[in-house]
Amino acid sequence: MIYFIAGFFFGSIAAMMLYSIVVSGRINNLEYQNERLMFELENKKKELVAYRCMYASSYDGFEETK
């Protein structure tokens, strides 16, 4: 009976350690992916601002005639 309890205890500890290793790898992967996507989003925002500034003045003074 003592071997069963000790095996259950050490088995649960080993399972928790294995699970934490797998989960920490997944979390690191998601953090890297999030960082990469945020960098790409910032670049797209900068490109959008540059595009708006480039073409903002092309319609200045334009008035529709009816």
PDB file of N, CA and C in Angstrom:
ATOM      1  N   MET A   1       0.821  -1.190   0.000  1.00  0.00           N
ATOM      2  CA  MET A   1       0.000   0.000   0.000  1.00  0.00           C
ATOM      3  C   MET A   1       0.872   1.264   0.000  1.00  0.00           C
ATOM      4  N   ILE A   2       1.973   1.224   0.738  1.00  0.00           N
ATOM      5  CA  ILE A   2       2.850   2.388   0.801  1.00  0.00           C
ATOM      6  C   ILE A   2       3.486   2.650  -0.566  1.00  0.00           C
ATOM      7  N   TYR A   3       3.765   1.575  -1.321  1.00  0.00           N
ATOM      8  CA  TYR A   3       4.344   1.754  -2.658  1.00  0.00           C
ATOM      9  C   TYR A   3       3.332   2.399  -3.611  1.00  0.00           C
ATOM     10  N   PHE A   4       2.077   2.058  -3.433  1.00  0.00           N
ATOM     11  CA  PHE A   4       1.038   2.667  -4.256  1.00  0.00           C
ATOM     12  C   PHE A   4       0.945   4.166  -3.970  1.00  0.00           C
ATOM     13  N   ILE A   5       0.951   4.535  -2.722  1.00  0.00           N
ATOM     14  CA  ILE A   5       0.854   5.953  -2.348  1.00  0.00           C
ATOM     15  C   ILE A   5       2.096   6.708  -2.816  1.00  0.00           C
ATOM     16  N   ALA A   6       3.280   6.107  -2.606  1.00  0.00           N
ATOM     17  CA  ALA A   6       4.519   6.756  -3.040  1.00  0.00           C
ATOM     18  C   ALA A   6       4.554   6.866  -4.565  1.00  0.00           C
ATOM     19  N   GLY A   7       4.128   5.833  -5.264  1.00  0.00           N
ATOM     20  CA  GLY A   7       4.082   5.875  -6.729  1.00  0.00           C
ATOM     21  C   GLY A   7       3.097   6.907  -7.240  1.00  0.00           C
ATOM     22  N   PHE A   8       1.960   6.985  -6.589  1.00  0.00           N
ATOM     23  CA  PHE A   8       0.967   7.992  -6.981  1.00  0.00           C
ATOM     24  C   PHE A   8       1.521   9.394  -6.748  1.00  0.00           C
ATOM     25  N   PHE A   9       2.188   9.605  -5.618  1.00  0.00           N
ATOM     26  CA  PHE A   9       2.750  10.912  -5.280  1.00  0.00           C
ATOM     27  C   PHE A   9       3.842  11.314  -6.273  1.00  0.00           C
ATOM     28  N   PHE A  10       4.816  10.422  -6.494  1.00  0.00           N
ATOM     29  CA  PHE A  10       5.907  10.743  -7.414  1.00  0.00           C
ATOM     30  C   PHE A  10       5.442  10.804  -8.864  1.00  0.00           C
ATOM     31  N   GLY A  11       4.467  10.000  -9.198  1.00  0.00           N
ATOM     32  CA  GLY A  11       3.897  10.050 -10.550  1.00  0.00           C
ATOM     33  C   GLY A  11       3.189  11.360 -10.822  1.00  0.00           C
ATOM     34  N   SER A  12       2.464  11.850  -9.826  1.00  0.00           N
ATOM     35  CA  SER A  12       1.771  13.127 -10.008  1.00  0.00           C
ATOM     36  C   SER A  12       2.774  14.278 -10.101  1.00  0.00           C
ATOM     37  N   ILE A  13       3.862  14.207  -9.332  1.00  0.00           N
ATOM     38  CA  ILE A  13       4.899  15.238  -9.422  1.00  0.00           C
ATOM     39  C   ILE A  13       5.551  15.216 -10.806  1.00  0.00           C
ATOM     40  N   ALA A  14       5.852  14.021 -11.301  1.00  0.00           N
ATOM     41  CA  ALA A  14       6.465  13.914 -12.630  1.00  0.00           C
ATOM     42  C   ALA A  14       5.516  14.417 -13.709  1.00  0.00           C
ATOM     43  N   ALA A  15       4.223  14.105 -13.580  1.00  0.00           N
ATOM     44  CA  ALA A  15       3.238  14.569 -14.560  1.00  0.00           C
ATOM     45  C   ALA A  15       3.128  16.091 -14.537  1.00  0.00           C
ATOM     46  N   MET A  16       3.142  16.678 -13.347  1.00  0.00           N
ATOM     47  CA  MET A  16       3.061  18.142 -13.253  1.00  0.00           C
ATOM     48  C   MET A  16       4.296  18.802 -13.853  1.00  0.00           C
ATOM     49  N   MET A  17       5.466  18.228 -13.644  1.00  0.00           N
ATOM     50  CA  MET A  17       6.689  18.799 -14.214  1.00  0.00           C
ATOM     51  C   MET A  17       6.671  18.698 -15.734  1.00  0.00           C
ATOM     52  N   LEU A  18       6.256  17.563 -16.262  1.00  0.00           N
ATOM     53  CA  LEU A  18       6.174  17.398 -17.717  1.00  0.00           C
ATOM     54  C   LEU A  18       5.163  18.365 -18.306  1.00  0.00           C
ATOM     55  N   TYR A  19       4.013  18.505 -17.651  1.00  0.00           N
ATOM     56  CA  TYR A  19       2.983  19.425 -18.117  1.00  0.00           C
ATOM     57  C   TYR A  19       3.494  20.867 -18.097  1.00  0.00           C
ATOM     58  N   SER A  20       4.218  21.253 -17.047  1.00  0.00           N
ATOM     59  CA  SER A  20       4.721  22.630 -16.970  1.00  0.00           C
ATOM     60  C   SER A  20       5.756  22.889 -18.057  1.00  0.00           C
ATOM     61  N   ILE A  21       6.563  21.893 -18.406  1.00  0.00           N
ATOM     62  CA  ILE A  21       7.540  22.060 -19.487  1.00  0.00           C
ATOM     63  C   ILE A  21       6.829  22.264 -20.815  1.00  0.00           C
ATOM     64  N   VAL A  22       5.814  21.458 -21.078  1.00  0.00           N
ATOM     65  CA  VAL A  22       5.073  21.570 -22.342  1.00  0.00           C
ATOM     66  C   VAL A  22       4.339  22.904 -22.412  1.00  0.00           C
ATOM     67  N   VAL A  23       3.689  23.283 -21.327  1.00  0.00           N
ATOM     68  CA  VAL A  23       2.921  24.530 -21.312  1.00  0.00           C
ATOM     69  C   VAL A  23       3.847  25.744 -21.407  1.00  0.00           C
ATOM     70  N   SER A  24       4.984  25.709 -20.733  1.00  0.00           N
ATOM     71  CA  SER A  24       5.889  26.857 -20.810  1.00  0.00           C
ATOM     72  C   SER A  24       6.434  27.025 -22.225  1.00  0.00           C
ATOM     73  N   GLY A  25       6.687  25.920 -22.917  1.00  0.00           N
ATOM     74  CA  GLY A  25       7.113  26.019 -24.322  1.00  0.00           C
ATOM     75  C   GLY A  25       6.037  26.642 -25.187  1.00  0.00           C
ATOM     76  N   ARG A  26       4.790  26.259 -24.954  1.00  0.00           N
ATOM     77  CA  ARG A  26       3.673  26.818 -25.720  1.00  0.00           C
ATOM     78  C   ARG A  26       3.491  28.302 -25.414  1.00  0.00           C
ATOM     79  N   ILE A  27       3.625  28.685 -24.150  1.00  0.00           N
ATOM     80  CA  ILE A  27       3.477  30.090 -23.772  1.00  0.00           C
ATOM     81  C   ILE A  27       4.587  30.928 -24.405  1.00  0.00           C
ATOM     82  N   ASN A  28       5.817  30.435 -24.401  1.00  0.00           N
ATOM     83  CA  ASN A  28       6.916  31.167 -25.027  1.00  0.00           C
ATOM     84  C   ASN A  28       6.674  31.329 -26.518  1.00  0.00           C
ATOM     85  N   ASN A  29       6.151  30.291 -27.168  1.00  0.00           N
ATOM     86  CA  ASN A  29       5.848  30.368 -28.590  1.00  0.00           C
ATOM     87  C   ASN A  29       4.767  31.412 -28.850  1.00  0.00           C
ATOM     88  N   LEU A  30       3.737  31.446 -28.023  1.00  0.00           N
ATOM     89  CA  LEU A  30       2.666  32.424 -28.203  1.00  0.00           C
ATOM     90  C   LEU A  30       3.151  33.845 -27.935  1.00  0.00           C
ATOM     91  N   GLU A  31       4.031  34.023 -26.943  1.00  0.00           N
ATOM     92  CA  GLU A  31       4.572  35.353 -26.682  1.00  0.00           C
ATOM     93  C   GLU A  31       5.414  35.839 -27.855  1.00  0.00           C
ATOM     94  N   TYR A  32       6.207  34.947 -28.438  1.00  0.00           N
ATOM     95  CA  TYR A  32       7.013  35.321 -29.603  1.00  0.00           C
ATOM     96  C   TYR A  32       6.110  35.681 -30.777  1.00  0.00           C
ATOM     97  N   GLN A  33       5.065  34.882 -31.000  1.00  0.00           N
ATOM     98  CA  GLN A  33       4.145  35.151 -32.101  1.00  0.00           C
ATOM     99  C   GLN A  33       3.427  36.480 -31.870  1.00  0.00           C
ATOM    100  N   ASN A  34       3.032  36.765 -30.633  1.00  0.00           N
ATOM    101  CA  ASN A  34       2.370  38.022 -30.317  1.00  0.00           C
ATOM    102  C   ASN A  34       3.300  39.200 -30.565  1.00  0.00           C
ATOM    103  N   GLU A  35       4.558  39.073 -30.152  1.00  0.00           N
ATOM    104  CA  GLU A  35       5.528  40.147 -30.363  1.00  0.00           C
ATOM    105  C   GLU A  35       5.742  40.410 -31.854  1.00  0.00           C
ATOM    106  N   ARG A  36       5.833  39.338 -32.636  1.00  0.00           N
ATOM    107  CA  ARG A  36       6.027  39.484 -34.073  1.00  0.00           C
ATOM    108  C   ARG A  36       4.821  40.150 -34.736  1.00  0.00           C
ATOM    109  N   LEU A  37       3.614  39.770 -34.311  1.00  0.00           N
ATOM    110  CA  LEU A  37       2.411  40.374 -34.881  1.00  0.00           C
ATOM    111  C   LEU A  37       2.262  41.837 -34.472  1.00  0.00           C
ATOM    112  N   MET A  38       2.640  42.168 -33.236  1.00  0.00           N
ATOM    113  CA  MET A  38       2.579  43.566 -32.809  1.00  0.00           C
ATOM    114  C   MET A  38       3.572  44.425 -33.593  1.00  0.00           C
ATOM    115  N   PHE A  39       4.753  43.887 -33.861  1.00  0.00           N
ATOM    116  CA  PHE A  39       5.741  44.601 -34.668  1.00  0.00           C
ATOM    117  C   PHE A  39       5.204  44.825 -36.079  1.00  0.00           C
ATOM    118  N   GLU A  40       4.587  43.791 -36.650  1.00  0.00           N
ATOM    119  CA  GLU A  40       4.019  43.922 -37.997  1.00  0.00           C
ATOM    120  C   GLU A  40       2.874  44.935 -38.006  1.00  0.00           C
ATOM    121  N   LEU A  41       2.052  44.947 -36.945  1.00  0.00           N
ATOM    122  CA  LEU A  41       0.955  45.905 -36.854  1.00  0.00           C
ATOM    123  C   LEU A  41       1.479  47.334 -36.776  1.00  0.00           C
ATOM    124  N   GLU A  42       2.520  47.554 -35.989  1.00  0.00           N
ATOM    125  CA  GLU A  42       3.109  48.895 -35.895  1.00  0.00           C
ATOM    126  C   GLU A  42       3.663  49.349 -37.245  1.00  0.00           C
ATOM    127  N   ASN A  43       4.293  48.440 -37.983  1.00  0.00           N
ATOM    128  CA  ASN A  43       4.801  48.793 -39.312  1.00  0.00           C
ATOM    129  C   ASN A  43       3.669  49.149 -40.261  1.00  0.00           C
ATOM    130  N   LYS A  44       2.578  48.404 -40.199  1.00  0.00           N
ATOM    131  CA  LYS A  44       1.427  48.705 -41.063  1.00  0.00           C
ATOM    132  C   LYS A  44       0.801  50.046 -40.699  1.00  0.00           C
ATOM    133  N   LYS A  45       0.766  50.361 -39.395  1.00  0.00           N
ATOM    134  CA  LYS A  45       0.233  51.663 -38.983  1.00  0.00           C
ATOM    135  C   LYS A  45       1.104  52.798 -39.500  1.00  0.00           C
ATOM    136  N   LYS A  46       2.431  52.609 -39.448  1.00  0.00           N
ATOM    137  CA  LYS A  46       3.343  53.631 -39.970  1.00  0.00           C
ATOM    138  C   LYS A  46       3.163  53.794 -41.476  1.00  0.00           C
ATOM    139  N   GLU A  47       2.986  52.683 -42.182  1.00  0.00           N
ATOM    140  CA  GLU A  47       2.767  52.759 -43.629  1.00  0.00           C
ATOM    141  C   GLU A  47       1.451  53.459 -43.938  1.00  0.00           C
ATOM    142  N   LEU A  48       0.417  53.206 -43.135  1.00  0.00           N
ATOM    143  CA  LEU A  48      -0.877  53.846 -43.342  1.00  0.00           C
ATOM    144  C   LEU A  48      -0.783  55.352 -43.112  1.00  0.00           C
ATOM    145  N   VAL A  49      -0.072  55.760 -42.065  1.00  0.00           N
ATOM    146  CA  VAL A  49       0.103  57.195 -41.798  1.00  0.00           C
ATOM    147  C   VAL A  49       0.865  57.848 -42.949  1.00  0.00           C
ATOM    148  N   ALA A  50       1.901  57.185 -43.434  1.00  0.00           N
ATOM    149  CA  ALA A  50       2.669  57.736 -44.549  1.00  0.00           C
ATOM    150  C   ALA A  50       1.806  57.833 -45.805  1.00  0.00           C
ATOM    151  N   TYR A  51       0.977  56.819 -46.035  1.00  0.00           N
ATOM    152  CA  TYR A  51       0.088  56.826 -47.208  1.00  0.00           C
ATOM    153  C   TYR A  51      -0.923  57.954 -47.096  1.00  0.00           C
ATOM    154  N   ARG A  52      -1.490  58.137 -45.896  1.00  0.00           N
ATOM    155  CA  ARG A  52      -2.475  59.212 -45.708  1.00  0.00           C
ATOM    156  C   ARG A  52      -1.830  60.577 -45.899  1.00  0.00           C
ATOM    157  N   CYS A  53      -0.617  60.748 -45.403  1.00  0.00           N
ATOM    158  CA  CYS A  53       0.069  62.037 -45.561  1.00  0.00           C
ATOM    159  C   CYS A  53       0.423  62.292 -47.018  1.00  0.00           C
ATOM    160  N   MET A  54       0.751  61.237 -47.737  1.00  0.00           N
ATOM    161  CA  MET A  54       1.143  61.382 -49.131  1.00  0.00           C
ATOM    162  C   MET A  54      -0.040  61.791 -50.007  1.00  0.00           C
ATOM    163  N   TYR A  55      -1.216  61.230 -49.730  1.00  0.00           N
ATOM    164  CA  TYR A  55      -2.369  61.488 -50.580  1.00  0.00           C
ATOM    165  C   TYR A  55      -3.403  62.402 -49.945  1.00  0.00           C
ATOM    166  N   ALA A  56      -3.131  62.957 -48.790  1.00  0.00           N
ATOM    167  CA  ALA A  56      -4.089  63.844 -48.121  1.00  0.00           C
ATOM    168  C   ALA A  56      -4.224  65.162 -48.858  1.00  0.00           C
ATOM    169  N   SER A  57      -3.154  65.668 -49.393  1.00  0.00           N
ATOM    170  CA  SER A  57      -3.202  66.987 -50.021  1.00  0.00           C
ATOM    171  C   SER A  57      -3.656  66.920 -51.475  1.00  0.00           C
ATOM    172  N   SER A  58      -3.898  65.763 -52.035  1.00  0.00           N
ATOM    173  CA  SER A  58      -4.266  65.681 -53.445  1.00  0.00           C
ATOM    174  C   SER A  58      -5.680  66.180 -53.698  1.00  0.00           C
ATOM    175  N   TYR A  59      -6.543  66.223 -52.672  1.00  0.00           N
ATOM    176  CA  TYR A  59      -7.910  66.703 -52.853  1.00  0.00           C
ATOM    177  C   TYR A  59      -8.156  68.021 -52.142  1.00  0.00           C
ATOM    178  N   ASP A  60      -7.113  68.685 -51.692  1.00  0.00           N
ATOM    179  CA  ASP A  60      -7.290  69.979 -51.045  1.00  0.00           C
ATOM    180  C   ASP A  60      -7.781  70.998 -52.056  1.00  0.00           C
ATOM    181  N   GLY A  61      -8.789  71.727 -51.677  1.00  0.00           N
ATOM    182  CA  GLY A  61      -9.325  72.757 -52.549  1.00  0.00           C
ATOM    183  C   GLY A  61     -10.280  72.225 -53.597  1.00  0.00           C
ATOM    184  N   PHE A  62     -10.511  70.945 -53.614  1.00  0.00           N
ATOM    185  CA  PHE A  62     -11.432  70.367 -54.581  1.00  0.00           C
ATOM    186  C   PHE A  62     -12.844  70.522 -54.064  1.00  0.00           C
ATOM    187  N   GLU A  63     -13.685  71.133 -54.864  1.00  0.00           N
ATOM    188  CA  GLU A  63     -15.080  71.275 -54.492  1.00  0.00           C
ATOM    189  C   GLU A  63     -15.944  70.720 -55.602  1.00  0.00           C
ATOM    190  N   GLU A  64     -16.941  70.003 -55.197  1.00  0.00           N
ATOM    191  CA  GLU A  64     -17.830  69.381 -56.193  1.00  0.00           C
ATOM    192  C   GLU A  64     -18.754  70.428 -56.770  1.00  0.00           C
ATOM    193  N   THR A  65     -18.906  70.446 -58.078  1.00  0.00           N
ATOM    194  CA  THR A  65     -19.823  71.388 -58.716  1.00  0.00           C
ATOM    195  C   THR A  65     -21.040  70.627 -59.178  1.00  0.00           C
ATOM    196  N   LYS A  66     -22.180  71.223 -58.994  1.00  0.00           N
ATOM    197  CA  LYS A  66     -23.429  70.574 -59.392  1.00  0.00           C
ATOM    198  C   LYS A  66     -24.096  71.357 -60.480  1.00  0.00           C
TER     199      LYS A  66
END
